[in-house]
Amino acid sequence: MERLRQRADFLAAATGSKIPAAAFVLQARKRKDDDEGPVRVGFTVTKKIGNAVVRNRIRRRLREIVRLAATAPLRAGYDYVLVGRRAALSLTFARMAEEFDGALRRLHAGHGKAIRASVS
């Protein structure tokens, strides 16, 4: 698993499917058909959520959820972005992990298509 670091990759993932959860919004996009490279994951929290300490705490929790979800159905050739929400501070770690697994299942079952970003 690799990390997304370029702004263009985050913007591209935002054009894909979106699955909302209490602690985060999962954005995902399949890369080109011939790109079956490793899974790439990015994490972001907007400044509206709080100061740097709060945003970093949320980001750390999200990173740990993904790291521990080794059995999660992350698929090769996909870019995933987790956009943190304020609720990520108050929810239990186990609840966040359940939400992540559920969001991935909904995404790959095709339920994320109903909440697609409009491409202009």
C-alpha atoms as a PDB file:
ATOM      1  CA  MET A   1       0.000   0.000   0.000  1.00  0.00           C
ATOM      2  CA  GLU A   2       1.275   3.414  -0.969  1.00  0.00           C
ATOM      3  CA  ARG A   3       0.304   6.883   0.211  1.00  0.00           C
ATOM      4  CA  LEU A   4      -1.244   9.558  -1.981  1.00  0.00           C
ATOM      5  CA  ARG A   5       0.756  12.756  -1.673  1.00  0.00           C
ATOM      6  CA  GLN A   6       0.127  14.802  -4.825  1.00  0.00           C
ATOM      7  CA  ARG A   7      -2.796  17.231  -4.896  1.00  0.00           C
ATOM      8  CA  ALA A   8      -3.743  16.035  -8.380  1.00  0.00           C
ATOM      9  CA  ASP A   9      -4.248  12.504  -7.049  1.00  0.00           C
ATOM     10  CA  PHE A  10      -6.553  13.778  -4.284  1.00  0.00           C
ATOM     11  CA  LEU A  11      -8.556  15.804  -6.807  1.00  0.00           C
ATOM     12  CA  ALA A  12      -8.831  12.809  -9.117  1.00  0.00           C
ATOM     13  CA  ALA A  13     -10.097  10.600  -6.276  1.00  0.00           C
ATOM     14  CA  ALA A  14     -12.716  13.253  -5.472  1.00  0.00           C
ATOM     15  CA  THR A  15     -14.277  12.681  -8.903  1.00  0.00           C
ATOM     16  CA  GLY A  16     -14.956   9.024  -8.074  1.00  0.00           C
ATOM     17  CA  SER A  17     -17.426   7.359  -5.765  1.00  0.00           C
ATOM     18  CA  LYS A  18     -18.134   8.733  -2.298  1.00  0.00           C
ATOM     19  CA  ILE A  19     -19.331   6.697   0.669  1.00  0.00           C
ATOM     20  CA  PRO A  20     -20.273   8.751   3.756  1.00  0.00           C
ATOM     21  CA  ALA A  21     -19.734   7.433   7.274  1.00  0.00           C
ATOM     22  CA  ALA A  22     -19.973   9.103  10.669  1.00  0.00           C
ATOM     23  CA  ALA A  23     -16.219   9.530  11.134  1.00  0.00           C
ATOM     24  CA  PHE A  24     -15.133  10.034   7.522  1.00  0.00           C
ATOM     25  CA  VAL A  25     -16.101  10.125   3.869  1.00  0.00           C
ATOM     26  CA  LEU A  26     -14.471   7.441   1.755  1.00  0.00           C
ATOM     27  CA  GLN A  27     -13.649   8.556  -1.778  1.00  0.00           C
ATOM     28  CA  ALA A  28     -12.444   6.012  -4.293  1.00  0.00           C
ATOM     29  CA  ARG A  29     -11.484   5.957  -7.931  1.00  0.00           C
ATOM     30  CA  LYS A  30     -10.280   3.154 -10.152  1.00  0.00           C
ATOM     31  CA  ARG A  31      -7.173   4.164 -12.018  1.00  0.00           C
ATOM     32  CA  LYS A  32      -6.784   3.436 -15.734  1.00  0.00           C
ATOM     33  CA  ASP A  33      -7.647  -0.084 -16.838  1.00  0.00           C
ATOM     34  CA  ASP A  34      -4.022  -0.958 -17.517  1.00  0.00           C
ATOM     35  CA  ASP A  35      -2.860   0.355 -14.109  1.00  0.00           C
ATOM     36  CA  GLU A  36      -3.022  -2.546 -11.664  1.00  0.00           C
ATOM     37  CA  GLY A  37      -0.414  -1.036  -9.349  1.00  0.00           C
ATOM     38  CA  PRO A  38      -0.603  -1.191  -5.585  1.00  0.00           C
ATOM     39  CA  VAL A  39      -3.413   0.318  -3.540  1.00  0.00           C
ATOM     40  CA  ARG A  40      -2.862   4.009  -2.831  1.00  0.00           C
ATOM     41  CA  VAL A  41      -4.486   5.693   0.178  1.00  0.00           C
ATOM     42  CA  GLY A  42      -4.630   9.368   1.136  1.00  0.00           C
ATOM     43  CA  PHE A  43      -5.893  11.113   4.258  1.00  0.00           C
ATOM     44  CA  THR A  44      -7.175  14.644   4.611  1.00  0.00           C
ATOM     45  CA  VAL A  45      -8.973  16.786   7.181  1.00  0.00           C
ATOM     46  CA  THR A  46     -10.178  20.294   6.376  1.00  0.00           C
ATOM     47  CA  LYS A  47      -9.295  23.332   8.464  1.00  0.00           C
ATOM     48  CA  LYS A  48     -12.981  23.763   9.289  1.00  0.00           C
ATOM     49  CA  ILE A  49     -12.674  20.771  11.636  1.00  0.00           C
ATOM     50  CA  GLY A  50     -10.186  22.394  13.998  1.00  0.00           C
ATOM     51  CA  ASN A  51      -6.619  23.419  14.603  1.00  0.00           C
ATOM     52  CA  ALA A  52      -3.550  21.409  13.576  1.00  0.00           C
ATOM     53  CA  VAL A  53      -3.567  19.292  16.740  1.00  0.00           C
ATOM     54  CA  VAL A  54      -7.160  18.179  16.164  1.00  0.00           C
ATOM     55  CA  ARG A  55      -6.645  17.556  12.450  1.00  0.00           C
ATOM     56  CA  ASN A  56      -3.500  15.499  13.060  1.00  0.00           C
ATOM     57  CA  ARG A  57      -5.224  13.408  15.740  1.00  0.00           C
ATOM     58  CA  ILE A  58      -8.027  12.575  13.311  1.00  0.00           C
ATOM     59  CA  ARG A  59      -5.521  11.776  10.557  1.00  0.00           C
ATOM     60  CA  ARG A  60      -3.553   9.464  12.882  1.00  0.00           C
ATOM     61  CA  ARG A  61      -6.722   7.583  13.807  1.00  0.00           C
ATOM     62  CA  LEU A  62      -7.676   7.161  10.140  1.00  0.00           C
ATOM     63  CA  ARG A  63      -4.191   5.939   9.215  1.00  0.00           C
ATOM     64  CA  GLU A  64      -4.314   3.352  11.980  1.00  0.00           C
ATOM     65  CA  ILE A  65      -7.737   2.116  10.862  1.00  0.00           C
ATOM     66  CA  VAL A  66      -6.402   1.483   7.356  1.00  0.00           C
ATOM     67  CA  ARG A  67      -3.176  -0.067   8.632  1.00  0.00           C
ATOM     68  CA  LEU A  68      -5.015  -2.542  10.861  1.00  0.00           C
ATOM     69  CA  ALA A  69      -7.597  -3.397   8.209  1.00  0.00           C
ATOM     70  CA  ALA A  70      -5.279  -5.834   6.468  1.00  0.00           C
ATOM     71  CA  THR A  71      -8.236  -8.095   5.667  1.00  0.00           C
ATOM     72  CA  ALA A  72     -10.245  -5.206   4.220  1.00  0.00           C
ATOM     73  CA  PRO A  73     -11.116  -5.511   0.536  1.00  0.00           C
ATOM     74  CA  LEU A  74      -8.757  -2.790  -0.690  1.00  0.00           C
ATOM     75  CA  ARG A  75      -8.325  -3.484  -4.376  1.00  0.00           C
ATOM     76  CA  ALA A  76      -5.225  -3.078  -6.493  1.00  0.00           C
ATOM     77  CA  GLY A  77      -5.529  -0.335  -9.076  1.00  0.00           C
ATOM     78  CA  TYR A  78      -7.663   1.889  -6.841  1.00  0.00           C
ATOM     79  CA  ASP A  79      -6.972   5.198  -5.117  1.00  0.00           C
ATOM     80  CA  TYR A  80      -8.762   5.748  -1.802  1.00  0.00           C
ATOM     81  CA  VAL A  81      -9.040   9.011   0.142  1.00  0.00           C
ATOM     82  CA  LEU A  82     -10.441   9.252   3.649  1.00  0.00           C
ATOM     83  CA  VAL A  83     -11.757  12.712   4.475  1.00  0.00           C
ATOM     84  CA  GLY A  84     -11.924  13.002   8.247  1.00  0.00           C
ATOM     85  CA  ARG A  85     -14.881  14.400  10.153  1.00  0.00           C
ATOM     86  CA  ARG A  86     -15.068  15.778  13.688  1.00  0.00           C
ATOM     87  CA  ALA A  87     -16.920  12.664  14.871  1.00  0.00           C
ATOM     88  CA  ALA A  88     -13.683  10.699  14.388  1.00  0.00           C
ATOM     89  CA  LEU A  89     -12.521  12.141  17.716  1.00  0.00           C
ATOM     90  CA  SER A  90     -15.447  10.883  19.751  1.00  0.00           C
ATOM     91  CA  LEU A  91     -16.195   7.512  18.140  1.00  0.00           C
ATOM     92  CA  THR A  92     -14.556   4.398  19.484  1.00  0.00           C
ATOM     93  CA  PHE A  93     -11.779   2.862  17.471  1.00  0.00           C
ATOM     94  CA  ALA A  94     -13.760  -0.356  17.002  1.00  0.00           C
ATOM     95  CA  ARG A  95     -16.745   1.593  15.634  1.00  0.00           C
ATOM     96  CA  MET A  96     -14.516   3.436  13.173  1.00  0.00           C
ATOM     97  CA  ALA A  97     -13.028   0.137  11.994  1.00  0.00           C
ATOM     98  CA  GLU A  98     -16.530  -1.295  11.464  1.00  0.00           C
ATOM     99  CA  GLU A  99     -17.515   1.792   9.488  1.00  0.00           C
ATOM    100  CA  PHE A 100     -14.411   1.494   7.307  1.00  0.00           C
ATOM    101  CA  ASP A 101     -15.104  -2.158   6.522  1.00  0.00           C
ATOM    102  CA  GLY A 102     -18.750  -1.383   5.803  1.00  0.00           C
ATOM    103  CA  ALA A 103     -17.861   1.561   3.564  1.00  0.00           C
ATOM    104  CA  LEU A 104     -15.478  -0.589   1.534  1.00  0.00           C
ATOM    105  CA  ARG A 105     -18.083  -3.314   1.146  1.00  0.00           C
ATOM    106  CA  ARG A 106     -20.707  -0.782   0.003  1.00  0.00           C
ATOM    107  CA  LEU A 107     -18.244   0.824  -2.383  1.00  0.00           C
ATOM    108  CA  HIS A 108     -17.241  -2.397  -4.111  1.00  0.00           C
ATOM    109  CA  ALA A 109     -20.811  -3.695  -4.118  1.00  0.00           C
ATOM    110  CA  GLY A 110     -21.703  -0.722  -6.309  1.00  0.00           C
ATOM    111  CA  HIS A 111     -23.610   1.359  -3.766  1.00  0.00           C
ATOM    112  CA  GLY A 112     -21.129   4.211  -4.059  1.00  0.00           C
ATOM    113  CA  LYS A 113     -22.325   5.022  -7.542  1.00  0.00           C
ATOM    114  CA  ALA A 114     -25.426   6.736  -6.189  1.00  0.00           C
ATOM    115  CA  ILE A 115     -23.240   9.378  -4.567  1.00  0.00           C
ATOM    116  CA  ARG A 116     -20.922  10.256  -7.410  1.00  0.00           C
ATOM    117  CA  ALA A 117     -19.311  13.615  -7.875  1.00  0.00           C
ATOM    118  CA  SER A 118     -20.470  15.503 -10.909  1.00  0.00           C
ATOM    119  CA  VAL A 119     -17.812  15.824 -13.556  1.00  0.00           C
ATOM    120  CA  SER A 120     -17.861  19.211 -15.237  1.00  0.00           C
END
